Amino acid sequence: MSDPSARTLPLHIAIIMDGNGRWAARRGLPRTMGHRKGVEAVRETVRAAGELGIRYLTLYAFSSENWSRPEPEVNDLMGLLKVFIRRDLAELHRQNVRVRIIGDRWNLRSDVLPLLLEAEETTRNNTAITVCIAFNYGSRDEIARAMQSLAVDVAEGRLSPEQITPPLIASRLDTAGMPDPDLVIRTSGEERLSNFLLWQSAYSEFVFMPEYWPDFDRAMLMRAIDIYRQRDRRFGNVAPASAAASSATPPPASLAVGS
């Protein structure tokens, strides 16, 4: 594996943290134990990303579709979130980490929303890595909410349809002000986005890893970054002949697709 300083690191990494339940099932444990071990993986990943100099880390913690899971599991996930914020917020603040929440926050339970708002407010002025938690998040819902806000501005005469551009749409998304992810990682061997950052991932590089999220660690993060650094990011342009020659051998198909 190459030295992380040898080539440009991704500015923004987004991770679909998948496989907690299957990790537990393979060990004959309840799903809740997988979620608890997954929280430990979150701590290690945040620490490793900060030490590596990653500026933005977005974690898909709880999708808007996850409410359909069994109530005891949802309650356990809510409990883990509360424990994480109460236990880790002070340490994250000391490390100059900024916490940001994306997703439909206003329909959250009254015992969860104040903690999320507290985490954001406490760390608002921190300047090291920004850790963005996608909670009660669904990308289609996010885009719909952005379109609704633009429609209101058009209806009330503050905006004309011709003024609606991709940058303006991006400014109404939950991730406004953040760069799009350079690298999207998904664990557990699944190879889909599952309604995560659909707009923002238009030119992201994808790395799909077979390991379940509770086993994710610094070495796996480095492996994904190393794969990313070997990609030829063209953003729709034609690669120079020298670059095309140097990247003639593609990465393994199971490790994904780039633009």
C-alpha atoms as a PDB file:
ATOM      1  CA  MET A   1       0.000   0.000   0.000  1.00  0.00           C
ATOM      2  CA  SER A   2       1.389   3.405  -0.922  1.00  0.00           C
ATOM      3  CA  ASP A   3       2.171   6.210   1.487  1.00  0.00           C
ATOM      4  CA  PRO A   4      -0.958   8.389   1.980  1.00  0.00           C
ATOM      5  CA  SER A   5       1.134  11.499   1.369  1.00  0.00           C
ATOM      6  CA  ALA A   6       2.369  10.228  -1.982  1.00  0.00           C
ATOM      7  CA  ARG A   7      -0.724  11.287  -3.908  1.00  0.00           C
ATOM      8  CA  THR A   8      -3.657  13.567  -3.257  1.00  0.00           C
ATOM      9  CA  LEU A   9      -6.042  12.442  -0.550  1.00  0.00           C
ATOM     10  CA  PRO A  10      -9.800  12.783  -1.073  1.00  0.00           C
ATOM     11  CA  LEU A  11     -11.137  15.995   0.398  1.00  0.00           C
ATOM     12  CA  HIS A  12     -14.471  14.385   1.280  1.00  0.00           C
ATOM     13  CA  ILE A  13     -15.153  10.715   2.020  1.00  0.00           C
ATOM     14  CA  ALA A  14     -18.699   9.400   2.427  1.00  0.00           C
ATOM     15  CA  ILE A  15     -19.371   5.960   3.882  1.00  0.00           C
ATOM     16  CA  ILE A  16     -22.427   3.709   3.748  1.00  0.00           C
ATOM     17  CA  MET A  17     -21.908   1.780   6.978  1.00  0.00           C
ATOM     18  CA  ASP A  18     -23.528  -1.529   6.098  1.00  0.00           C
ATOM     19  CA  GLY A  19     -23.527  -4.990   7.625  1.00  0.00           C
ATOM     20  CA  ASN A  20     -24.008  -4.575  11.380  1.00  0.00           C
ATOM     21  CA  GLY A  21     -26.840  -7.107  11.511  1.00  0.00           C
ATOM     22  CA  ARG A  22     -25.074  -9.683   9.357  1.00  0.00           C
ATOM     23  CA  TRP A  23     -21.881  -9.277  11.398  1.00  0.00           C
ATOM     24  CA  ALA A  24     -23.877 -10.155  14.515  1.00  0.00           C
ATOM     25  CA  ALA A  25     -25.805 -13.011  12.866  1.00  0.00           C
ATOM     26  CA  ARG A  26     -22.586 -14.720  11.770  1.00  0.00           C
ATOM     27  CA  ARG A  27     -21.514 -14.746  15.394  1.00  0.00           C
ATOM     28  CA  GLY A  28     -24.853 -15.903  16.769  1.00  0.00           C
ATOM     29  CA  LEU A  29     -25.381 -12.520  18.423  1.00  0.00           C
ATOM     30  CA  PRO A  30     -28.435 -10.237  18.447  1.00  0.00           C
ATOM     31  CA  ARG A  31     -28.456  -7.475  15.838  1.00  0.00           C
ATOM     32  CA  THR A  32     -28.101  -4.893  18.592  1.00  0.00           C
ATOM     33  CA  MET A  33     -24.598  -6.176  19.312  1.00  0.00           C
ATOM     34  CA  GLY A  34     -23.672  -5.490  15.706  1.00  0.00           C
ATOM     35  CA  HIS A  35     -24.857  -1.905  16.050  1.00  0.00           C
ATOM     36  CA  ARG A  36     -22.862  -1.469  19.251  1.00  0.00           C
ATOM     37  CA  LYS A  37     -19.704  -2.776  17.601  1.00  0.00           C
ATOM     38  CA  GLY A  38     -20.475  -0.491  14.661  1.00  0.00           C
ATOM     39  CA  VAL A  39     -20.306   2.545  16.954  1.00  0.00           C
ATOM     40  CA  GLU A  40     -16.762   1.525  17.878  1.00  0.00           C
ATOM     41  CA  ALA A  41     -15.914   1.431  14.163  1.00  0.00           C
ATOM     42  CA  VAL A  42     -17.320   4.956  13.827  1.00  0.00           C
ATOM     43  CA  ARG A  43     -15.017   6.191  16.590  1.00  0.00           C
ATOM     44  CA  GLU A  44     -11.956   4.606  14.993  1.00  0.00           C
ATOM     45  CA  THR A  45     -12.845   5.863  11.513  1.00  0.00           C
ATOM     46  CA  VAL A  46     -13.399   9.451  12.664  1.00  0.00           C
ATOM     47  CA  ARG A  47     -10.085   9.396  14.508  1.00  0.00           C
ATOM     48  CA  ALA A  48      -8.208   7.889  11.547  1.00  0.00           C
ATOM     49  CA  ALA A  49      -9.748  10.274   9.010  1.00  0.00           C
ATOM     50  CA  GLY A  50      -8.819  13.268  11.143  1.00  0.00           C
ATOM     51  CA  GLU A  51      -5.241  12.061  11.568  1.00  0.00           C
ATOM     52  CA  LEU A  52      -4.915  11.495   7.814  1.00  0.00           C
ATOM     53  CA  GLY A  53      -6.051  15.031   7.038  1.00  0.00           C
ATOM     54  CA  ILE A  54      -9.443  14.225   5.499  1.00  0.00           C
ATOM     55  CA  ARG A  55     -11.471  17.441   5.711  1.00  0.00           C
ATOM     56  CA  TYR A  56     -15.009  16.019   5.418  1.00  0.00           C
ATOM     57  CA  LEU A  57     -16.370  12.629   6.464  1.00  0.00           C
ATOM     58  CA  THR A  58     -20.047  11.830   5.888  1.00  0.00           C
ATOM     59  CA  LEU A  59     -21.493   8.749   7.580  1.00  0.00           C
ATOM     60  CA  TYR A  60     -24.844   7.188   6.607  1.00  0.00           C
ATOM     61  CA  ALA A  61     -26.072   6.484  10.127  1.00  0.00           C
ATOM     62  CA  PHE A  62     -29.846   6.065   9.785  1.00  0.00           C
ATOM     63  CA  SER A  63     -31.887   6.299   6.610  1.00  0.00           C
ATOM     64  CA  SER A  64     -35.448   7.531   6.371  1.00  0.00           C
ATOM     65  CA  GLU A  65     -36.365   3.957   5.364  1.00  0.00           C
ATOM     66  CA  ASN A  66     -34.891   2.454   8.553  1.00  0.00           C
ATOM     67  CA  TRP A  67     -38.018   3.368  10.541  1.00  0.00           C
ATOM     68  CA  SER A  68     -39.626   0.249   9.049  1.00  0.00           C
ATOM     69  CA  ARG A  69     -37.267  -1.969  11.061  1.00  0.00           C
ATOM     70  CA  PRO A  70     -38.585  -3.720  14.195  1.00  0.00           C
ATOM     71  CA  GLU A  71     -39.342  -1.217  16.946  1.00  0.00           C
ATOM     72  CA  PRO A  72     -36.880  -2.728  19.484  1.00  0.00           C
ATOM     73  CA  GLU A  73     -34.046  -2.365  16.946  1.00  0.00           C
ATOM     74  CA  VAL A  74     -35.001   1.247  16.154  1.00  0.00           C
ATOM     75  CA  ASN A  75     -35.158   2.043  19.868  1.00  0.00           C
ATOM     76  CA  ASP A  76     -31.710   0.535  20.354  1.00  0.00           C
ATOM     77  CA  LEU A  77     -30.316   2.602  17.491  1.00  0.00           C
ATOM     78  CA  MET A  78     -31.789   5.757  19.003  1.00  0.00           C
ATOM     79  CA  GLY A  79     -30.271   4.822  22.337  1.00  0.00           C
ATOM     80  CA  LEU A  80     -26.860   4.273  20.773  1.00  0.00           C
ATOM     81  CA  LEU A  81     -27.040   7.661  19.079  1.00  0.00           C
ATOM     82  CA  LYS A  82     -27.815   9.351  22.394  1.00  0.00           C
ATOM     83  CA  VAL A  83     -24.985   7.511  24.142  1.00  0.00           C
ATOM     84  CA  PHE A  84     -22.567   8.399  21.339  1.00  0.00           C
ATOM     85  CA  ILE A  85     -23.367  12.108  21.548  1.00  0.00           C
ATOM     86  CA  ARG A  86     -23.291  12.248  25.348  1.00  0.00           C
ATOM     87  CA  ARG A  87     -20.079  10.235  25.596  1.00  0.00           C
ATOM     88  CA  ASP A  88     -18.153  11.463  22.552  1.00  0.00           C
ATOM     89  CA  LEU A  89     -19.259  15.051  21.958  1.00  0.00           C
ATOM     90  CA  ALA A  90     -16.868  16.574  24.494  1.00  0.00           C
ATOM     91  CA  GLU A  91     -13.942  14.613  23.065  1.00  0.00           C
ATOM     92  CA  LEU A  92     -14.843  15.546  19.485  1.00  0.00           C
ATOM     93  CA  HIS A  93     -15.056  19.178  20.559  1.00  0.00           C
ATOM     94  CA  ARG A  94     -11.605  18.990  22.177  1.00  0.00           C
ATOM     95  CA  GLN A  95     -10.258  17.571  18.919  1.00  0.00           C
ATOM     96  CA  ASN A  96     -11.647  20.592  17.023  1.00  0.00           C
ATOM     97  CA  VAL A  97     -14.105  18.344  15.100  1.00  0.00           C
ATOM     98  CA  ARG A  98     -17.181  19.979  13.652  1.00  0.00           C
ATOM     99  CA  VAL A  99     -20.343  17.865  13.716  1.00  0.00           C
ATOM    100  CA  ARG A 100     -22.997  18.463  11.098  1.00  0.00           C
ATOM    101  CA  ILE A 101     -26.343  16.686  10.715  1.00  0.00           C
ATOM    102  CA  ILE A 102     -28.120  16.124   7.389  1.00  0.00           C
ATOM    103  CA  GLY A 103     -31.569  14.634   6.890  1.00  0.00           C
ATOM    104  CA  ASP A 104     -35.145  15.525   7.796  1.00  0.00           C
ATOM    105  CA  ARG A 105     -34.560  16.502  11.403  1.00  0.00           C
ATOM    106  CA  TRP A 106     -37.912  18.074  12.200  1.00  0.00           C
ATOM    107  CA  ASN A 107     -39.811  14.789  12.339  1.00  0.00           C
ATOM    108  CA  LEU A 108     -37.420  13.234  14.847  1.00  0.00           C
ATOM    109  CA  ARG A 109     -38.327  12.135  18.334  1.00  0.00           C
ATOM    110  CA  SER A 110     -38.227  14.816  21.006  1.00  0.00           C
ATOM    111  CA  ASP A 111     -35.512  12.965  22.929  1.00  0.00           C
ATOM    112  CA  VAL A 112     -33.194  12.844  19.892  1.00  0.00           C
ATOM    113  CA  LEU A 113     -33.521  16.191  18.104  1.00  0.00           C
ATOM    114  CA  PRO A 114     -32.188  18.374  20.973  1.00  0.00           C
ATOM    115  CA  LEU A 115     -29.058  16.227  21.174  1.00  0.00           C
ATOM    116  CA  LEU A 116     -28.397  16.569  17.449  1.00  0.00           C
ATOM    117  CA  LEU A 117     -28.880  20.324  17.623  1.00  0.00           C
ATOM    118  CA  GLU A 118     -26.579  20.497  20.645  1.00  0.00           C
ATOM    119  CA  ALA A 119     -23.859  18.578  18.803  1.00  0.00           C
ATOM    120  CA  GLU A 120     -24.054  20.983  15.867  1.00  0.00           C
ATOM    121  CA  GLU A 121     -24.141  24.123  17.997  1.00  0.00           C
ATOM    122  CA  THR A 122     -21.333  23.053  20.342  1.00  0.00           C
ATOM    123  CA  THR A 123     -18.944  22.304  17.489  1.00  0.00           C
ATOM    124  CA  ARG A 124     -20.125  24.939  15.003  1.00  0.00           C
ATOM    125  CA  ASN A 125     -16.884  26.954  15.008  1.00  0.00           C
ATOM    126  CA  ASN A 126     -14.473  24.021  14.976  1.00  0.00           C
ATOM    127  CA  THR A 127     -12.086  23.954  12.039  1.00  0.00           C
ATOM    128  CA  ALA A 128     -10.567  20.473  11.799  1.00  0.00           C
ATOM    129  CA  ILE A 129     -12.454  17.640  10.093  1.00  0.00           C
ATOM    130  CA  THR A 130     -16.208  18.055   9.584  1.00  0.00           C
ATOM    131  CA  VAL A 131     -18.051  14.866  10.508  1.00  0.00           C
ATOM    132  CA  CYS A 132     -21.416  14.893   8.777  1.00  0.00           C
ATOM    133  CA  ILE A 133     -23.991  12.469  10.176  1.00  0.00           C
ATOM    134  CA  ALA A 134     -26.738  11.471   7.733  1.00  0.00           C
ATOM    135  CA  PHE A 135     -29.590  10.739  10.127  1.00  0.00           C
ATOM    136  CA  ASN A 136     -33.210  10.194   9.093  1.00  0.00           C
ATOM    137  CA  TYR A 137     -31.739  10.882   5.677  1.00  0.00           C
ATOM    138  CA  GLY A 138     -32.943   9.934   2.225  1.00  0.00           C
ATOM    139  CA  SER A 139     -31.509  11.575  -0.867  1.00  0.00           C
ATOM    140  CA  ARG A 140     -34.777  11.655  -2.800  1.00  0.00           C
ATOM    141  CA  ASP A 141     -36.449  13.340   0.164  1.00  0.00           C
ATOM    142  CA  GLU A 142     -33.566  15.824   0.363  1.00  0.00           C
ATOM    143  CA  ILE A 143     -33.892  16.685  -3.325  1.00  0.00           C
ATOM    144  CA  ALA A 144     -37.683  16.994  -3.019  1.00  0.00           C
ATOM    145  CA  ARG A 145     -37.313  19.407  -0.099  1.00  0.00           C
ATOM    146  CA  ALA A 146     -34.828  21.463  -2.125  1.00  0.00           C
ATOM    147  CA  MET A 147     -37.244  21.587  -5.076  1.00  0.00           C
ATOM    148  CA  GLN A 148     -40.084  22.653  -2.787  1.00  0.00           C
ATOM    149  CA  SER A 149     -38.049  25.561  -1.446  1.00  0.00           C
ATOM    150  CA  LEU A 150     -37.213  26.680  -4.987  1.00  0.00           C
ATOM    151  CA  ALA A 151     -40.862  26.336  -6.037  1.00  0.00           C
ATOM    152  CA  VAL A 152     -41.923  28.603  -3.184  1.00  0.00           C
ATOM    153  CA  ASP A 153     -39.401  31.238  -4.292  1.00  0.00           C
ATOM    154  CA  VAL A 154     -40.686  31.047  -7.876  1.00  0.00           C
ATOM    155  CA  ALA A 155     -44.325  31.240  -6.763  1.00  0.00           C
ATOM    156  CA  GLU A 156     -43.608  34.288  -4.606  1.00  0.00           C
ATOM    157  CA  GLY A 157     -41.661  36.081  -7.332  1.00  0.00           C
ATOM    158  CA  ARG A 158     -38.196  35.939  -5.749  1.00  0.00           C
ATOM    159  CA  LEU A 159     -36.870  33.631  -8.436  1.00  0.00           C
ATOM    160  CA  SER A 160     -37.574  32.879 -12.073  1.00  0.00           C
ATOM    161  CA  PRO A 161     -37.411  29.323 -13.478  1.00  0.00           C
ATOM    162  CA  GLU A 162     -34.489  30.354 -15.691  1.00  0.00           C
ATOM    163  CA  GLN A 163     -32.438  31.159 -12.616  1.00  0.00           C
ATOM    164  CA  ILE A 164     -32.593  27.595 -11.326  1.00  0.00           C
ATOM    165  CA  THR A 165     -29.175  26.105 -12.035  1.00  0.00           C
ATOM    166  CA  PRO A 166     -27.274  23.095 -10.676  1.00  0.00           C
ATOM    167  CA  PRO A 167     -25.277  25.307  -8.269  1.00  0.00           C
ATOM    168  CA  LEU A 168     -28.495  26.871  -6.984  1.00  0.00           C
ATOM    169  CA  ILE A 169     -30.055  23.454  -6.452  1.00  0.00           C
ATOM    170  CA  ALA A 170     -26.914  22.343  -4.601  1.00  0.00           C
ATOM    171  CA  SER A 171     -27.214  25.381  -2.345  1.00  0.00           C
ATOM    172  CA  ARG A 172     -30.645  24.166  -1.184  1.00  0.00           C
ATOM    173  CA  LEU A 173     -29.523  20.631  -0.363  1.00  0.00           C
ATOM    174  CA  ASP A 174     -28.716  19.540   3.188  1.00  0.00           C
ATOM    175  CA  THR A 175     -25.027  19.487   2.263  1.00  0.00           C
ATOM    176  CA  ALA A 176     -24.939  23.140   1.146  1.00  0.00           C
ATOM    177  CA  GLY A 177     -21.480  24.599   1.619  1.00  0.00           C
ATOM    178  CA  MET A 178     -19.759  21.197   1.595  1.00  0.00           C
ATOM    179  CA  PRO A 179     -17.780  19.812  -1.349  1.00  0.00           C
ATOM    180  CA  ASP A 180     -19.225  16.789  -3.106  1.00  0.00           C
ATOM    181  CA  PRO A 181     -17.709  13.482  -1.950  1.00  0.00           C
ATOM    182  CA  ASP A 182     -14.620  12.445  -3.864  1.00  0.00           C
ATOM    183  CA  LEU A 183     -14.892   8.890  -2.560  1.00  0.00           C
ATOM    184  CA  VAL A 184     -17.943   6.859  -1.517  1.00  0.00           C
ATOM    185  CA  ILE A 185     -17.254   3.634   0.391  1.00  0.00           C
ATOM    186  CA  ARG A 186     -19.795   0.924   1.090  1.00  0.00           C
ATOM    187  CA  THR A 187     -19.073  -2.041   3.319  1.00  0.00           C
ATOM    188  CA  SER A 188     -20.650  -5.535   3.447  1.00  0.00           C
ATOM    189  CA  GLY A 189     -20.242  -6.375  -0.232  1.00  0.00           C
ATOM    190  CA  GLU A 190     -23.426  -4.635  -1.395  1.00  0.00           C
ATOM    191  CA  GLU A 191     -22.938  -2.456  -4.487  1.00  0.00           C
ATOM    192  CA  ARG A 192     -25.622   0.209  -4.522  1.00  0.00           C
ATOM    193  CA  LEU A 193     -26.164   3.725  -3.155  1.00  0.00           C
ATOM    194  CA  SER A 194     -29.403   3.015  -1.271  1.00  0.00           C
ATOM    195  CA  ASN A 195     -30.724   6.558  -1.616  1.00  0.00           C
ATOM    196  CA  PHE A 196     -27.517   8.163  -0.315  1.00  0.00           C
ATOM    197  CA  LEU A 197     -26.135  11.440  -1.723  1.00  0.00           C
ATOM    198  CA  LEU A 198     -27.582  10.817  -5.195  1.00  0.00           C
ATOM    199  CA  TRP A 199     -27.038  14.389  -6.407  1.00  0.00           C
ATOM    200  CA  GLN A 200     -23.692  14.859  -4.687  1.00  0.00           C
ATOM    201  CA  SER A 201     -22.182  11.579  -5.933  1.00  0.00           C
ATOM    202  CA  ALA A 202     -22.490  12.392  -9.638  1.00  0.00           C
ATOM    203  CA  TYR A 203     -18.701  12.257 -10.081  1.00  0.00           C
ATOM    204  CA  SER A 204     -17.635  10.370  -6.972  1.00  0.00           C
ATOM    205  CA  GLU A 205     -15.396   7.339  -7.067  1.00  0.00           C
ATOM    206  CA  PHE A 206     -16.955   4.220  -5.522  1.00  0.00           C
ATOM    207  CA  VAL A 207     -15.208   1.495  -3.545  1.00  0.00           C
ATOM    208  CA  PHE A 208     -17.260  -1.500  -2.407  1.00  0.00           C
ATOM    209  CA  MET A 209     -15.641  -3.541   0.344  1.00  0.00           C
ATOM    210  CA  PRO A 210     -16.663  -7.065   1.385  1.00  0.00           C
ATOM    211  CA  GLU A 211     -16.073  -6.531   5.113  1.00  0.00           C
ATOM    212  CA  TYR A 212     -18.977  -5.740   7.426  1.00  0.00           C
ATOM    213  CA  TRP A 213     -18.986  -2.312   9.029  1.00  0.00           C
ATOM    214  CA  PRO A 214     -18.157  -3.447  12.605  1.00  0.00           C
ATOM    215  CA  ASP A 215     -14.817  -4.774  11.276  1.00  0.00           C
ATOM    216  CA  PHE A 216     -13.961  -1.508   9.489  1.00  0.00           C
ATOM    217  CA  ASP A 217     -10.752   0.060  10.759  1.00  0.00           C
ATOM    218  CA  ARG A 218      -7.918   2.370   9.819  1.00  0.00           C
ATOM    219  CA  ALA A 219      -6.283  -0.243   7.575  1.00  0.00           C
ATOM    220  CA  MET A 220      -9.498  -0.671   5.558  1.00  0.00           C
ATOM    221  CA  LEU A 221      -9.891   3.096   5.261  1.00  0.00           C
ATOM    222  CA  MET A 222      -6.333   3.297   3.967  1.00  0.00           C
ATOM    223  CA  ARG A 223      -7.039   0.497   1.498  1.00  0.00           C
ATOM    224  CA  ALA A 224     -10.046   2.350   0.097  1.00  0.00           C
ATOM    225  CA  ILE A 225      -8.057   5.589  -0.149  1.00  0.00           C
ATOM    226  CA  ASP A 226      -5.252   3.763  -1.924  1.00  0.00           C
ATOM    227  CA  ILE A 227      -7.732   2.417  -4.500  1.00  0.00           C
ATOM    228  CA  TYR A 228      -9.138   5.931  -4.917  1.00  0.00           C
ATOM    229  CA  ARG A 229      -5.696   7.405  -5.554  1.00  0.00           C
ATOM    230  CA  GLN A 230      -5.158   4.951  -8.392  1.00  0.00           C
ATOM    231  CA  ARG A 231      -8.267   6.150 -10.224  1.00  0.00           C
ATOM    232  CA  ASP A 232      -8.130   8.470 -13.226  1.00  0.00           C
ATOM    233  CA  ARG A 233     -10.741  11.127 -12.416  1.00  0.00           C
ATOM    234  CA  ARG A 234     -11.720  12.777 -15.718  1.00  0.00           C
ATOM    235  CA  PHE A 235     -15.079  14.398 -14.864  1.00  0.00           C
ATOM    236  CA  GLY A 236     -16.283  13.737 -18.409  1.00  0.00           C
ATOM    237  CA  ASN A 237     -13.070  14.859 -20.120  1.00  0.00           C
ATOM    238  CA  VAL A 238     -10.743  12.748 -22.244  1.00  0.00           C
ATOM    239  CA  ALA A 239      -7.680  11.570 -20.349  1.00  0.00           C
ATOM    240  CA  PRO A 240      -4.283  12.621 -21.750  1.00  0.00           C
ATOM    241  CA  ALA A 241      -2.510   9.831 -23.590  1.00  0.00           C
ATOM    242  CA  SER A 242       0.140   9.533 -20.862  1.00  0.00           C
ATOM    243  CA  ALA A 243      -2.487   9.194 -18.147  1.00  0.00           C
ATOM    244  CA  ALA A 244      -4.452   6.661 -20.169  1.00  0.00           C
ATOM    245  CA  ALA A 245      -1.333   4.569 -20.641  1.00  0.00           C
ATOM    246  CA  SER A 246      -0.446   4.666 -16.958  1.00  0.00           C
ATOM    247  CA  SER A 247      -3.922   3.500 -15.969  1.00  0.00           C
ATOM    248  CA  ALA A 248      -4.278   0.752 -18.559  1.00  0.00           C
ATOM    249  CA  THR A 249      -4.753  -1.896 -15.886  1.00  0.00           C
ATOM    250  CA  PRO A 250      -8.150  -1.310 -14.225  1.00  0.00           C
ATOM    251  CA  PRO A 251      -8.816  -2.068 -10.564  1.00  0.00           C
ATOM    252  CA  PRO A 252     -10.665  -5.307  -9.746  1.00  0.00           C
ATOM    253  CA  ALA A 253     -14.284  -5.123 -10.888  1.00  0.00           C
ATOM    254  CA  SER A 254     -15.545  -5.856  -7.390  1.00  0.00           C
ATOM    255  CA  LEU A 255     -13.853  -2.708  -6.186  1.00  0.00           C
ATOM    256  CA  ALA A 256     -15.936  -0.469  -8.280  1.00  0.00           C
ATOM    257  CA  VAL A 257     -16.655   2.018 -10.856  1.00  0.00           C
ATOM    258  CA  GLY A 258     -15.457   5.540 -11.380  1.00  0.00           C
ATOM    259  CA  SER A 259     -16.338   8.389 -13.658  1.00  0.00           C
END
